[in-house]
C-alpha atoms as a PDB file:
ATOM      1  CA  UNK A   1      14.983   5.179   1.491  1.00  0.00           C
ATOM      2  CA  UNK A   2      14.520   2.010  -0.534  1.00  0.00           C
ATOM      3  CA  UNK A   3      12.673   1.536  -3.826  1.00  0.00           C
ATOM      4  CA  UNK A   4      10.096  -1.260  -4.029  1.00  0.00           C
ATOM      5  CA  UNK A   5       7.784  -2.375  -6.813  1.00  0.00           C
ATOM      6  CA  UNK A   6       4.260  -3.436  -5.945  1.00  0.00           C
ATOM      7  CA  UNK A   7       3.352  -6.748  -7.554  1.00  0.00           C
ATOM      8  CA  UNK A   8       0.051  -5.037  -8.363  1.00  0.00           C
ATOM      9  CA  UNK A   9       1.970  -3.041 -10.991  1.00  0.00           C
ATOM     10  CA  UNK A  10       2.370  -6.142 -13.142  1.00  0.00           C
ATOM     11  CA  UNK A  11      -0.235  -8.712 -12.024  1.00  0.00           C
ATOM     12  CA  UNK A  12      -4.032  -8.995 -11.989  1.00  0.00           C
ATOM     13  CA  UNK A  13      -6.211 -10.607  -9.334  1.00  0.00           C
ATOM     14  CA  UNK A  14      -8.087 -12.524 -12.046  1.00  0.00           C
ATOM     15  CA  UNK A  15      -4.929 -14.371 -13.113  1.00  0.00           C
ATOM     16  CA  UNK A  16      -4.712 -17.776 -11.338  1.00  0.00           C
ATOM     17  CA  UNK A  17      -0.980 -17.944 -12.080  1.00  0.00           C
ATOM     18  CA  UNK A  18      -0.031 -14.445 -10.949  1.00  0.00           C
ATOM     19  CA  UNK A  19       2.536 -15.798  -8.475  1.00  0.00           C
ATOM     20  CA  UNK A  20       4.374 -17.295 -11.471  1.00  0.00           C
ATOM     21  CA  UNK A  21       4.273 -13.874 -13.125  1.00  0.00           C
ATOM     22  CA  UNK A  22       5.842 -12.396  -9.982  1.00  0.00           C
ATOM     23  CA  UNK A  23       8.696 -14.894 -10.124  1.00  0.00           C
ATOM     24  CA  UNK A  24       9.251 -14.280 -13.831  1.00  0.00           C
ATOM     25  CA  UNK A  25       9.264 -10.482 -13.907  1.00  0.00           C
ATOM     26  CA  UNK A  26      10.984  -9.877 -10.576  1.00  0.00           C
ATOM     27  CA  UNK A  27      14.189 -10.871 -12.355  1.00  0.00           C
ATOM     28  CA  UNK A  28      13.842  -7.908 -14.727  1.00  0.00           C
ATOM     29  CA  UNK A  29      13.207  -5.094 -12.255  1.00  0.00           C
ATOM     30  CA  UNK A  30      15.957  -3.152 -10.517  1.00  0.00           C
ATOM     31  CA  UNK A  31      14.490  -2.658  -7.057  1.00  0.00           C
ATOM     32  CA  UNK A  32      15.347  -3.298  -3.433  1.00  0.00           C
ATOM     33  CA  UNK A  33      12.345  -5.574  -3.060  1.00  0.00           C
ATOM     34  CA  UNK A  34       8.690  -6.155  -3.854  1.00  0.00           C
ATOM     35  CA  UNK A  35       5.491  -5.162  -2.110  1.00  0.00           C
ATOM     36  CA  UNK A  36       3.445  -8.331  -2.422  1.00  0.00           C
ATOM     37  CA  UNK A  37      -0.272  -7.851  -3.116  1.00  0.00           C
ATOM     38  CA  UNK A  38      -2.425 -10.539  -1.490  1.00  0.00           C
ATOM     39  CA  UNK A  39      -5.166 -11.637  -3.912  1.00  0.00           C
ATOM     40  CA  UNK A  40      -8.538 -13.186  -2.894  1.00  0.00           C
ATOM     41  CA  UNK A  41      -7.938 -16.509  -4.635  1.00  0.00           C
ATOM     42  CA  UNK A  42      -4.909 -17.118  -2.404  1.00  0.00           C
ATOM     43  CA  UNK A  43      -7.164 -17.825   0.581  1.00  0.00           C
ATOM     44  CA  UNK A  44      -8.086 -21.199  -0.929  1.00  0.00           C
ATOM     45  CA  UNK A  45      -4.656 -22.838  -1.037  1.00  0.00           C
ATOM     46  CA  UNK A  46      -1.864 -20.511   0.145  1.00  0.00           C
ATOM     47  CA  UNK A  47       0.861 -23.087   0.887  1.00  0.00           C
ATOM     48  CA  UNK A  48       1.973 -23.828  -2.730  1.00  0.00           C
ATOM     49  CA  UNK A  49       2.025 -20.101  -3.475  1.00  0.00           C
ATOM     50  CA  UNK A  50       4.157 -19.406  -0.401  1.00  0.00           C
ATOM     51  CA  UNK A  51       6.601 -22.168  -1.358  1.00  0.00           C
ATOM     52  CA  UNK A  52       6.911 -20.768  -4.869  1.00  0.00           C
ATOM     53  CA  UNK A  53       7.315 -17.155  -3.757  1.00  0.00           C
ATOM     54  CA  UNK A  54      10.080 -18.096  -1.335  1.00  0.00           C
ATOM     55  CA  UNK A  55      12.258 -18.757  -4.380  1.00  0.00           C
ATOM     56  CA  UNK A  56      11.835 -15.175  -5.601  1.00  0.00           C
ATOM     57  CA  UNK A  57      15.005 -13.255  -6.413  1.00  0.00           C
ATOM     58  CA  UNK A  58      13.770 -10.174  -4.535  1.00  0.00           C
ATOM     59  CA  UNK A  59      12.629  -9.986  -0.883  1.00  0.00           C
ATOM     60  CA  UNK A  60       9.113  -9.027   0.232  1.00  0.00           C
ATOM     61  CA  UNK A  61       9.603  -6.442   3.003  1.00  0.00           C
ATOM     62  CA  UNK A  62       6.016  -5.169   2.599  1.00  0.00           C
ATOM     63  CA  UNK A  63       2.662  -6.833   1.927  1.00  0.00           C
ATOM     64  CA  UNK A  64      -0.549  -5.115   0.860  1.00  0.00           C
ATOM     65  CA  UNK A  65      -3.304  -6.984   2.679  1.00  0.00           C
ATOM     66  CA  UNK A  66      -6.320  -8.231   0.729  1.00  0.00           C
ATOM     67  CA  UNK A  67      -8.692  -5.343   0.127  1.00  0.00           C
ATOM     68  CA  UNK A  68     -11.977  -6.949   1.193  1.00  0.00           C
ATOM     69  CA  UNK A  69     -10.841  -6.845   4.840  1.00  0.00           C
ATOM     70  CA  UNK A  70     -11.659  -3.153   5.142  1.00  0.00           C
ATOM     71  CA  UNK A  71     -14.957  -3.707   3.350  1.00  0.00           C
ATOM     72  CA  UNK A  72     -15.892  -6.305   5.985  1.00  0.00           C
ATOM     73  CA  UNK A  73     -14.884  -3.945   8.796  1.00  0.00           C
ATOM     74  CA  UNK A  74     -17.290  -1.278   7.518  1.00  0.00           C
ATOM     75  CA  UNK A  75     -20.311  -3.563   7.758  1.00  0.00           C
ATOM     76  CA  UNK A  76     -23.006  -3.036  10.368  1.00  0.00           C
ATOM     77  CA  UNK A  77     -23.133  -6.849  10.656  1.00  0.00           C
ATOM     78  CA  UNK A  78     -20.835  -8.020  13.463  1.00  0.00           C
ATOM     79  CA  UNK A  79     -20.401 -11.444  11.834  1.00  0.00           C
ATOM     80  CA  UNK A  80     -19.093  -9.814   8.666  1.00  0.00           C
ATOM     81  CA  UNK A  81     -16.609  -7.763  10.690  1.00  0.00           C
ATOM     82  CA  UNK A  82     -15.529 -11.027  12.335  1.00  0.00           C
ATOM     83  CA  UNK A  83     -14.974 -12.489   8.863  1.00  0.00           C
ATOM     84  CA  UNK A  84     -12.693  -9.542   8.197  1.00  0.00           C
ATOM     85  CA  UNK A  85     -10.619 -10.377  11.291  1.00  0.00           C
ATOM     86  CA  UNK A  86     -10.299 -14.010  10.164  1.00  0.00           C
ATOM     87  CA  UNK A  87      -9.085 -12.872   6.750  1.00  0.00           C
ATOM     88  CA  UNK A  88      -6.703 -10.460   8.431  1.00  0.00           C
ATOM     89  CA  UNK A  89      -5.095 -13.298  10.380  1.00  0.00           C
ATOM     90  CA  UNK A  90      -4.778 -15.413   7.233  1.00  0.00           C
ATOM     91  CA  UNK A  91      -2.962 -12.494   5.631  1.00  0.00           C
ATOM     92  CA  UNK A  92      -0.673 -12.226   8.670  1.00  0.00           C
ATOM     93  CA  UNK A  93       0.237 -15.921   8.474  1.00  0.00           C
ATOM     94  CA  UNK A  94       0.997 -15.570   4.767  1.00  0.00           C
ATOM     95  CA  UNK A  95       3.115 -12.464   5.393  1.00  0.00           C
ATOM     96  CA  UNK A  96       5.112 -14.010   8.225  1.00  0.00           C
ATOM     97  CA  UNK A  97       6.100 -16.978   6.070  1.00  0.00           C
ATOM     98  CA  UNK A  98       7.476 -14.635   3.399  1.00  0.00           C
ATOM     99  CA  UNK A  99       9.521 -12.564   5.835  1.00  0.00           C
ATOM    100  CA  UNK A 100       7.297  -9.490   5.499  1.00  0.00           C
ATOM    101  CA  UNK A 101       7.931  -6.654   7.985  1.00  0.00           C
ATOM    102  CA  UNK A 102       5.187  -4.118   7.156  1.00  0.00           C
ATOM    103  CA  UNK A 103       1.561  -4.960   6.371  1.00  0.00           C
ATOM    104  CA  UNK A 104      -0.451  -2.245   4.590  1.00  0.00           C
ATOM    105  CA  UNK A 105      -4.173  -2.253   5.335  1.00  0.00           C
ATOM    106  CA  UNK A 106      -7.252  -0.626   3.800  1.00  0.00           C
ATOM    107  CA  UNK A 107      -9.051  -0.038   7.105  1.00  0.00           C
ATOM    108  CA  UNK A 108     -12.171   1.071   5.233  1.00  0.00           C
ATOM    109  CA  UNK A 109     -13.459   0.307   1.740  1.00  0.00           C
ATOM    110  CA  UNK A 110     -16.452   0.369  -0.551  1.00  0.00           C
ATOM    111  CA  UNK A 111     -19.399   0.235  -0.380  1.00  0.00           C
ATOM    112  CA  UNK A 112     -19.469   1.572   3.187  1.00  0.00           C
ATOM    113  CA  UNK A 113     -16.291   3.639   2.814  1.00  0.00           C
ATOM    114  CA  UNK A 114     -15.826   5.715   5.983  1.00  0.00           C
ATOM    115  CA  UNK A 115     -19.483   6.612   6.528  1.00  0.00           C
ATOM    116  CA  UNK A 116     -19.477   4.638   9.786  1.00  0.00           C
ATOM    117  CA  UNK A 117     -15.813   4.673  10.745  1.00  0.00           C
ATOM    118  CA  UNK A 118     -16.780   3.552  14.243  1.00  0.00           C
ATOM    119  CA  UNK A 119     -17.459   0.092  12.773  1.00  0.00           C
ATOM    120  CA  UNK A 120     -14.067  -0.002  11.051  1.00  0.00           C
ATOM    121  CA  UNK A 121     -12.294   0.965  14.262  1.00  0.00           C
ATOM    122  CA  UNK A 122     -13.910  -1.770  16.381  1.00  0.00           C
ATOM    123  CA  UNK A 123     -11.637  -4.621  15.140  1.00  0.00           C
ATOM    124  CA  UNK A 124      -8.480  -2.459  15.031  1.00  0.00           C
ATOM    125  CA  UNK A 125      -7.072  -3.434  18.443  1.00  0.00           C
ATOM    126  CA  UNK A 126      -7.477  -7.142  17.630  1.00  0.00           C
ATOM    127  CA  UNK A 127      -5.759  -6.604  14.293  1.00  0.00           C
ATOM    128  CA  UNK A 128      -2.854  -4.842  15.968  1.00  0.00           C
ATOM    129  CA  UNK A 129      -2.601  -7.713  18.474  1.00  0.00           C
ATOM    130  CA  UNK A 130      -2.440 -10.176  15.578  1.00  0.00           C
ATOM    131  CA  UNK A 131       0.109  -8.087  13.697  1.00  0.00           C
ATOM    132  CA  UNK A 132       2.362  -8.086  16.777  1.00  0.00           C
ATOM    133  CA  UNK A 133       1.870 -11.832  17.203  1.00  0.00           C
ATOM    134  CA  UNK A 134       3.123 -12.448  13.666  1.00  0.00           C
ATOM    135  CA  UNK A 135       5.962  -9.932  13.850  1.00  0.00           C
ATOM    136  CA  UNK A 136       4.385  -7.292  11.604  1.00  0.00           C
ATOM    137  CA  UNK A 137       4.025  -3.522  11.723  1.00  0.00           C
ATOM    138  CA  UNK A 138       0.515  -2.569  10.650  1.00  0.00           C
ATOM    139  CA  UNK A 139       0.291   0.575   8.484  1.00  0.00           C
ATOM    140  CA  UNK A 140      -3.121   2.008   7.575  1.00  0.00           C
ATOM    141  CA  UNK A 141      -3.208   3.449   4.068  1.00  0.00           C
ATOM    142  CA  UNK A 142      -4.505   6.940   3.257  1.00  0.00           C
ATOM    143  CA  UNK A 143      -7.112   5.711   0.773  1.00  0.00           C
ATOM    144  CA  UNK A 144     -10.075   7.739  -0.579  1.00  0.00           C
ATOM    145  CA  UNK A 145     -12.964   8.612   1.735  1.00  0.00           C
ATOM    146  CA  UNK A 146     -16.569   9.623   1.168  1.00  0.00           C
ATOM    147  CA  UNK A 147     -17.327  11.242   4.509  1.00  0.00           C
ATOM    148  CA  UNK A 148     -14.094  12.713   5.878  1.00  0.00           C
ATOM    149  CA  UNK A 149     -10.541  12.701   4.491  1.00  0.00           C
ATOM    150  CA  UNK A 150      -7.569  10.296   4.719  1.00  0.00           C
ATOM    151  CA  UNK A 151      -5.550  12.254   7.279  1.00  0.00           C
ATOM    152  CA  UNK A 152      -8.515  12.720   9.607  1.00  0.00           C
ATOM    153  CA  UNK A 153      -9.325   9.020   9.422  1.00  0.00           C
ATOM    154  CA  UNK A 154      -5.818   7.728  10.109  1.00  0.00           C
ATOM    155  CA  UNK A 155      -5.580  10.197  12.995  1.00  0.00           C
ATOM    156  CA  UNK A 156      -8.761   8.715  14.439  1.00  0.00           C
ATOM    157  CA  UNK A 157      -7.223   5.260  14.086  1.00  0.00           C
ATOM    158  CA  UNK A 158      -4.075   6.387  15.926  1.00  0.00           C
ATOM    159  CA  UNK A 159      -6.144   7.984  18.673  1.00  0.00           C
ATOM    160  CA  UNK A 160      -8.196   4.785  18.936  1.00  0.00           C
ATOM    161  CA  UNK A 161      -5.025   2.691  19.313  1.00  0.00           C
ATOM    162  CA  UNK A 162      -1.576   4.386  19.387  1.00  0.00           C
ATOM    163  CA  UNK A 163       0.057   1.263  17.939  1.00  0.00           C
ATOM    164  CA  UNK A 164      -1.436   2.048  14.520  1.00  0.00           C
ATOM    165  CA  UNK A 165       1.011   3.245  11.887  1.00  0.00           C
ATOM    166  CA  UNK A 166       0.448   4.906   8.502  1.00  0.00           C
ATOM    167  CA  UNK A 167       1.142   4.251   4.807  1.00  0.00           C
ATOM    168  CA  UNK A 168       0.854   7.317   2.568  1.00  0.00           C
ATOM    169  CA  UNK A 169      -0.470   7.171  -0.990  1.00  0.00           C
ATOM    170  CA  UNK A 170       0.465  10.156  -3.155  1.00  0.00           C
ATOM    171  CA  UNK A 171      -2.412   9.783  -5.633  1.00  0.00           C
ATOM    172  CA  UNK A 172      -5.099   9.572  -2.971  1.00  0.00           C
ATOM    173  CA  UNK A 173      -3.606  12.419  -0.937  1.00  0.00           C
ATOM    174  CA  UNK A 174      -3.575  14.543  -4.106  1.00  0.00           C
ATOM    175  CA  UNK A 175      -7.196  13.623  -4.846  1.00  0.00           C
ATOM    176  CA  UNK A 176      -8.141  14.924  -1.394  1.00  0.00           C
ATOM    177  CA  UNK A 177      -5.832  17.951  -1.811  1.00  0.00           C
ATOM    178  CA  UNK A 178      -3.707  16.819   1.148  1.00  0.00           C
ATOM    179  CA  UNK A 179      -0.228  16.515  -0.365  1.00  0.00           C
ATOM    180  CA  UNK A 180       0.913  19.623   1.498  1.00  0.00           C
ATOM    181  CA  UNK A 181      -1.290  19.060   4.541  1.00  0.00           C
ATOM    182  CA  UNK A 182       0.401  15.744   5.228  1.00  0.00           C
ATOM    183  CA  UNK A 183       3.697  17.509   5.970  1.00  0.00           C
ATOM    184  CA  UNK A 184       1.951  20.075   8.166  1.00  0.00           C
ATOM    185  CA  UNK A 185       0.441  17.275  10.276  1.00  0.00           C
ATOM    186  CA  UNK A 186       3.032  17.352  13.061  1.00  0.00           C
ATOM    187  CA  UNK A 187       1.323  14.468  14.898  1.00  0.00           C
ATOM    188  CA  UNK A 188       2.344  12.169  12.035  1.00  0.00           C
ATOM    189  CA  UNK A 189       6.023  12.969  12.136  1.00  0.00           C
ATOM    190  CA  UNK A 190       6.628  13.609  15.824  1.00  0.00           C
ATOM    191  CA  UNK A 191       5.460  10.092  16.610  1.00  0.00           C
ATOM    192  CA  UNK A 192       7.184   8.664  13.488  1.00  0.00           C
ATOM    193  CA  UNK A 193       3.912   7.113  12.339  1.00  0.00           C
ATOM    194  CA  UNK A 194       4.634   7.020   8.591  1.00  0.00           C
ATOM    195  CA  UNK A 195       6.250   3.677   7.784  1.00  0.00           C
ATOM    196  CA  UNK A 196       5.607   3.278   4.057  1.00  0.00           C
ATOM    197  CA  UNK A 197       4.767   5.322   0.953  1.00  0.00           C
ATOM    198  CA  UNK A 198       2.976   4.410  -2.296  1.00  0.00           C
ATOM    199  CA  UNK A 199       3.982   6.443  -5.333  1.00  0.00           C
ATOM    200  CA  UNK A 200       1.632   6.987  -8.235  1.00  0.00           C
ATOM    201  CA  UNK A 201       0.642  10.136 -10.088  1.00  0.00           C
ATOM    202  CA  UNK A 202      -2.645  12.021 -10.381  1.00  0.00           C
ATOM    203  CA  UNK A 203      -4.237  14.375 -12.905  1.00  0.00           C
ATOM    204  CA  UNK A 204      -7.493  15.279 -11.206  1.00  0.00           C
ATOM    205  CA  UNK A 205      -9.613  12.122 -11.564  1.00  0.00           C
ATOM    206  CA  UNK A 206      -9.339   8.594 -10.215  1.00  0.00           C
ATOM    207  CA  UNK A 207     -11.356   6.970 -12.995  1.00  0.00           C
ATOM    208  CA  UNK A 208     -13.524   7.525 -16.058  1.00  0.00           C
ATOM    209  CA  UNK A 209     -16.375   5.595 -17.660  1.00  0.00           C
ATOM    210  CA  UNK A 210     -13.686   3.423 -19.251  1.00  0.00           C
ATOM    211  CA  UNK A 211     -12.129   2.427 -15.959  1.00  0.00           C
ATOM    212  CA  UNK A 212      -9.520   3.263 -13.331  1.00  0.00           C
ATOM    213  CA  UNK A 213      -6.620   5.595 -14.135  1.00  0.00           C
ATOM    214  CA  UNK A 214      -3.137   4.403 -13.198  1.00  0.00           C
ATOM    215  CA  UNK A 215      -0.561   7.126 -13.770  1.00  0.00           C
ATOM    216  CA  UNK A 216       3.123   6.476 -13.222  1.00  0.00           C
ATOM    217  CA  UNK A 217       5.282   9.150 -11.583  1.00  0.00           C
ATOM    218  CA  UNK A 218       5.827  11.968 -14.071  1.00  0.00           C
ATOM    219  CA  UNK A 219       2.634  11.284 -16.042  1.00  0.00           C
ATOM    220  CA  UNK A 220       0.382  13.574 -13.953  1.00  0.00           C
ATOM    221  CA  UNK A 221       0.505  16.772 -11.916  1.00  0.00           C
ATOM    222  CA  UNK A 222       2.251  15.709  -8.698  1.00  0.00           C
ATOM    223  CA  UNK A 223       5.591  17.369  -7.986  1.00  0.00           C
ATOM    224  CA  UNK A 224       7.471  14.288  -6.829  1.00  0.00           C
ATOM    225  CA  UNK A 225      10.747  16.157  -6.449  1.00  0.00           C
ATOM    226  CA  UNK A 226       9.151  18.398  -3.840  1.00  0.00           C
ATOM    227  CA  UNK A 227       7.307  15.492  -2.219  1.00  0.00           C
ATOM    228  CA  UNK A 228      10.454  13.396  -1.739  1.00  0.00           C
ATOM    229  CA  UNK A 229      12.441  16.415  -0.525  1.00  0.00           C
ATOM    230  CA  UNK A 230       9.773  17.080   2.095  1.00  0.00           C
ATOM    231  CA  UNK A 231       9.678  13.396   2.985  1.00  0.00           C
ATOM    232  CA  UNK A 232      13.439  13.363   3.450  1.00  0.00           C
ATOM    233  CA  UNK A 233      13.246  16.444   5.662  1.00  0.00           C
ATOM    234  CA  UNK A 234      10.937  14.601   8.065  1.00  0.00           C
ATOM    235  CA  UNK A 235      13.581  11.933   8.643  1.00  0.00           C
ATOM    236  CA  UNK A 236      11.515   9.243   6.924  1.00  0.00           C
ATOM    237  CA  UNK A 237      13.602   6.086   6.416  1.00  0.00           C
ATOM    238  CA  UNK A 238      11.048   3.671   5.008  1.00  0.00           C
ATOM    239  CA  UNK A 239      10.483   2.535   1.437  1.00  0.00           C
ATOM    240  CA  UNK A 240       8.855   4.097  -1.605  1.00  0.00           C
ATOM    241  CA  UNK A 241       6.749   1.615  -3.520  1.00  0.00           C
ATOM    242  CA  UNK A 242       5.713   1.986  -7.163  1.00  0.00           C
ATOM    243  CA  UNK A 243       1.999   1.148  -7.112  1.00  0.00           C
ATOM    244  CA  UNK A 244       0.889   2.226 -10.592  1.00  0.00           C
ATOM    245  CA  UNK A 245      -0.333  -0.616 -12.789  1.00  0.00           C
ATOM    246  CA  UNK A 246       1.266  -1.276 -16.162  1.00  0.00           C
ATOM    247  CA  UNK A 247      -0.953  -4.123 -17.430  1.00  0.00           C
ATOM    248  CA  UNK A 248      -3.350  -3.627 -20.339  1.00  0.00           C
ATOM    249  CA  UNK A 249      -6.778  -5.226 -20.836  1.00  0.00           C
ATOM    250  CA  UNK A 250      -5.173  -8.175 -22.659  1.00  0.00           C
ATOM    251  CA  UNK A 251      -2.877  -8.854 -19.730  1.00  0.00           C
ATOM    252  CA  UNK A 252       0.247  -7.568 -21.468  1.00  0.00           C
ATOM    253  CA  UNK A 253       2.838  -6.075 -19.110  1.00  0.00           C
ATOM    254  CA  UNK A 254       4.641  -2.875 -20.069  1.00  0.00           C
ATOM    255  CA  UNK A 255       7.998  -3.782 -18.530  1.00  0.00           C
ATOM    256  CA  UNK A 256       9.756  -0.704 -19.916  1.00  0.00           C
ATOM    257  CA  UNK A 257       7.232   1.609 -18.267  1.00  0.00           C
ATOM    258  CA  UNK A 258       7.814  -0.023 -14.885  1.00  0.00           C
ATOM    259  CA  UNK A 259      11.579   0.080 -15.296  1.00  0.00           C
ATOM    260  CA  UNK A 260      11.432   3.777 -16.224  1.00  0.00           C
ATOM    261  CA  UNK A 261       9.356   4.555 -13.137  1.00  0.00           C
ATOM    262  CA  UNK A 262      11.681   2.630 -10.825  1.00  0.00           C
ATOM    263  CA  UNK A 263      14.664   4.555 -12.224  1.00  0.00           C
ATOM    264  CA  UNK A 264      12.717   7.805 -11.761  1.00  0.00           C
ATOM    265  CA  UNK A 265      12.226   6.904  -8.100  1.00  0.00           C
ATOM    266  CA  UNK A 266      15.892   6.043  -7.603  1.00  0.00           C
ATOM    267  CA  UNK A 267      16.839   9.400  -9.140  1.00  0.00           C
ATOM    268  CA  UNK A 268      14.435  11.212  -6.794  1.00  0.00           C
ATOM    269  CA  UNK A 269      16.077   9.622  -3.758  1.00  0.00           C
ATOM    270  CA  UNK A 270      19.574  10.372  -5.052  1.00  0.00           C
ATOM    271  CA  UNK A 271      18.634  14.020  -5.614  1.00  0.00           C
ATOM    272  CA  UNK A 272      17.147  14.343  -2.143  1.00  0.00           C
ATOM    273  CA  UNK A 273      20.356  12.940  -0.681  1.00  0.00           C
ATOM    274  CA  UNK A 274      22.612  15.275  -2.668  1.00  0.00           C
ATOM    275  CA  UNK A 275      20.565  18.336  -1.670  1.00  0.00           C
ATOM    276  CA  UNK A 276      21.296  17.639   1.997  1.00  0.00           C
ATOM    277  CA  UNK A 277      24.951  18.574   1.494  1.00  0.00           C
END
């Protein structure tokens, strides 16, 4: 298993120069690569950003696709779903030019969430066709739901099109009380559907009136030692990506916090390896 750092841990979508931040701070993090977060402003002029990011010290084996795609897919308006497909292809083009292998997708999103999952599933086959065209494996993330639960929804996606793969998120699984259920879901592991994992902690709530919580591993209630041991037992060989933000309201980046979390993840993997023998 490799350790990646999501660029969302140290950038903000509101920052027009976030690709420069990626280049600057990637030199400080000890990781096997970065999970690049595609931000909405990059639709306007992606070429200069791609050229700049190609000089990055670390590779980009994974890309988190822009989050509005799933929001478009949940619309009852067919033209809005079509807009989501167009954005999806733009993300694929961007990913291909950075050498990305796995694209993580929010198949559903607010405000519709998964209330009408049949809408979200309609463009899935086309998205999988596009992912194959651009040399990508598409992994649907286990994000929060309002109607069902993450595991049920990704299973529906797999049943709709067996080419769909899965990206687990520890915080969101914990919020839905599915951290243990995920390892009991034999359909996930027999077909080797899990291709990527996001690590962030959880203490019972996703947000408060003051905003979104972002807990790094070890700051909440998740037993990551047990989680990684169970993950190892399944034969999982993908990457673990730190996806907990460490940027305050003034835009200051807590580099030490990120470095501590990345070391924590490396230690988890080393322990899981040693316990095999």
